[in-house]
C-alpha atoms as a PDB file:
ATOM      1  CA  MET A   1       0.017  -0.013   0.104  1.00  0.00           C
ATOM      2  CA  GLU A   2       1.220   3.554  -0.851  1.00  0.00           C
ATOM      3  CA  LYS A   3      -0.101   6.744   0.491  1.00  0.00           C
ATOM      4  CA  ALA A   4      -1.072   9.612  -1.936  1.00  0.00           C
ATOM      5  CA  VAL A   5      -2.448  13.098  -1.564  1.00  0.00           C
ATOM      6  CA  LEU A   6      -4.263  14.938  -4.364  1.00  0.00           C
ATOM      7  CA  GLY A   7      -5.132  18.438  -4.545  1.00  0.00           C
ATOM      8  CA  VAL A   8      -8.758  18.994  -5.359  1.00  0.00           C
ATOM      9  CA  GLU A   9     -10.447  22.220  -6.606  1.00  0.00           C
ATOM     10  CA  GLY A  10     -14.099  22.858  -6.904  1.00  0.00           C
ATOM     11  CA  MET A  11     -15.181  21.617  -3.385  1.00  0.00           C
ATOM     12  CA  SER A  12     -17.353  23.989  -1.359  1.00  0.00           C
ATOM     13  CA  CYS A  13     -19.367  22.074   1.083  1.00  0.00           C
ATOM     14  CA  GLU A  14     -19.655  18.693   2.947  1.00  0.00           C
ATOM     15  CA  HIS A  15     -21.665  17.224   0.060  1.00  0.00           C
ATOM     16  CA  CYS A  16     -18.556  17.927  -2.182  1.00  0.00           C
ATOM     17  CA  VAL A  17     -16.282  16.171   0.511  1.00  0.00           C
ATOM     18  CA  LYS A  18     -18.680  13.183   0.629  1.00  0.00           C
ATOM     19  CA  ALA A  19     -18.868  13.021  -3.344  1.00  0.00           C
ATOM     20  CA  VAL A  20     -15.140  13.094  -3.520  1.00  0.00           C
ATOM     21  CA  ALA A  21     -14.621  10.506  -0.883  1.00  0.00           C
ATOM     22  CA  HIS A  22     -17.287   8.193  -2.497  1.00  0.00           C
ATOM     23  CA  ALA A  23     -15.511   8.625  -5.944  1.00  0.00           C
ATOM     24  CA  ILE A  24     -12.157   7.544  -4.648  1.00  0.00           C
ATOM     25  CA  SER A  25     -13.250   4.882  -2.033  1.00  0.00           C
ATOM     26  CA  SER A  26     -15.445   3.041  -4.504  1.00  0.00           C
ATOM     27  CA  LEU A  27     -12.408   2.029  -6.541  1.00  0.00           C
ATOM     28  CA  GLU A  28     -10.596  -1.305  -5.942  1.00  0.00           C
ATOM     29  CA  SER A  29      -7.699  -1.383  -3.445  1.00  0.00           C
ATOM     30  CA  VAL A  30      -8.260   2.156  -2.173  1.00  0.00           C
ATOM     31  CA  LYS A  31      -8.529   2.473   1.620  1.00  0.00           C
ATOM     32  CA  LYS A  32      -8.457   5.132   4.465  1.00  0.00           C
ATOM     33  CA  VAL A  33      -9.877   8.036   2.358  1.00  0.00           C
ATOM     34  CA  LYS A  34      -9.858  11.373   3.959  1.00  0.00           C
ATOM     35  CA  VAL A  35     -10.963  14.528   2.209  1.00  0.00           C
ATOM     36  CA  ASP A  36     -10.100  17.932   3.693  1.00  0.00           C
ATOM     37  CA  LEU A  37     -12.404  20.689   2.483  1.00  0.00           C
ATOM     38  CA  LYS A  38     -10.410  23.575   3.997  1.00  0.00           C
ATOM     39  CA  GLY A  39      -6.999  22.186   2.724  1.00  0.00           C
ATOM     40  CA  LYS A  40      -8.565  21.211  -0.574  1.00  0.00           C
ATOM     41  CA  THR A  41      -6.964  17.768  -0.586  1.00  0.00           C
ATOM     42  CA  ALA A  42      -7.759  14.025  -0.682  1.00  0.00           C
ATOM     43  CA  SER A  43      -5.542  11.543   1.001  1.00  0.00           C
ATOM     44  CA  PHE A  44      -5.786   7.764   0.759  1.00  0.00           C
ATOM     45  CA  MET A  45      -3.849   4.457   0.764  1.00  0.00           C
ATOM     46  CA  TYR A  46      -3.831   2.540  -2.555  1.00  0.00           C
ATOM     47  CA  GLU A  47      -2.184  -0.376  -4.426  1.00  0.00           C
ATOM     48  CA  PRO A  48      -0.738   1.174  -7.623  1.00  0.00           C
ATOM     49  CA  ASP A  49      -0.588  -2.285  -9.226  1.00  0.00           C
ATOM     50  CA  LYS A  50      -4.315  -2.749  -8.836  1.00  0.00           C
ATOM     51  CA  THR A  51      -5.539   0.859  -9.181  1.00  0.00           C
ATOM     52  CA  PRO A  52      -3.141   3.403 -10.988  1.00  0.00           C
ATOM     53  CA  LEU A  53      -3.205   6.912  -9.699  1.00  0.00           C
ATOM     54  CA  ALA A  54      -4.449   8.056 -13.095  1.00  0.00           C
ATOM     55  CA  LYS A  55      -7.651   6.018 -12.537  1.00  0.00           C
ATOM     56  CA  ILE A  56      -8.156   7.714  -9.181  1.00  0.00           C
ATOM     57  CA  GLU A  57      -7.705  11.203 -10.535  1.00  0.00           C
ATOM     58  CA  ALA A  58     -10.091  10.250 -13.482  1.00  0.00           C
ATOM     59  CA  ALA A  59     -12.836   9.238 -10.777  1.00  0.00           C
ATOM     60  CA  VAL A  60     -12.478  12.607  -9.112  1.00  0.00           C
ATOM     61  CA  THR A  61     -12.719  14.431 -12.500  1.00  0.00           C
ATOM     62  CA  GLU A  62     -15.802  12.248 -13.343  1.00  0.00           C
ATOM     63  CA  ALA A  63     -17.374  13.194 -10.021  1.00  0.00           C
ATOM     64  CA  GLY A  64     -17.247  17.113 -11.202  1.00  0.00           C
ATOM     65  CA  TYR A  65     -13.991  18.221  -9.382  1.00  0.00           C
ATOM     66  CA  THR A  66     -10.472  19.207 -10.627  1.00  0.00           C
ATOM     67  CA  VAL A  67      -7.363  17.457  -9.625  1.00  0.00           C
ATOM     68  CA  VAL A  68      -4.387  19.769  -9.203  1.00  0.00           C
ATOM     69  CA  GLN A  69      -0.749  18.902  -8.592  1.00  0.00           C
END
């Protein structure tokens, strides 16, 4: 398992936090998702061999938010 932190733009409320957390946690091998509204980040543990980071970023984008580096 590796830890990753993504910057996420476009979140403005707790609904947004839940939407981003759901988008990330619904993917295979992703655990311990924590979304920080104030810090505009999403941190999580994942297995890159099973779920590449690009797939996680795509899930956040599909949920309507922007991933920033």
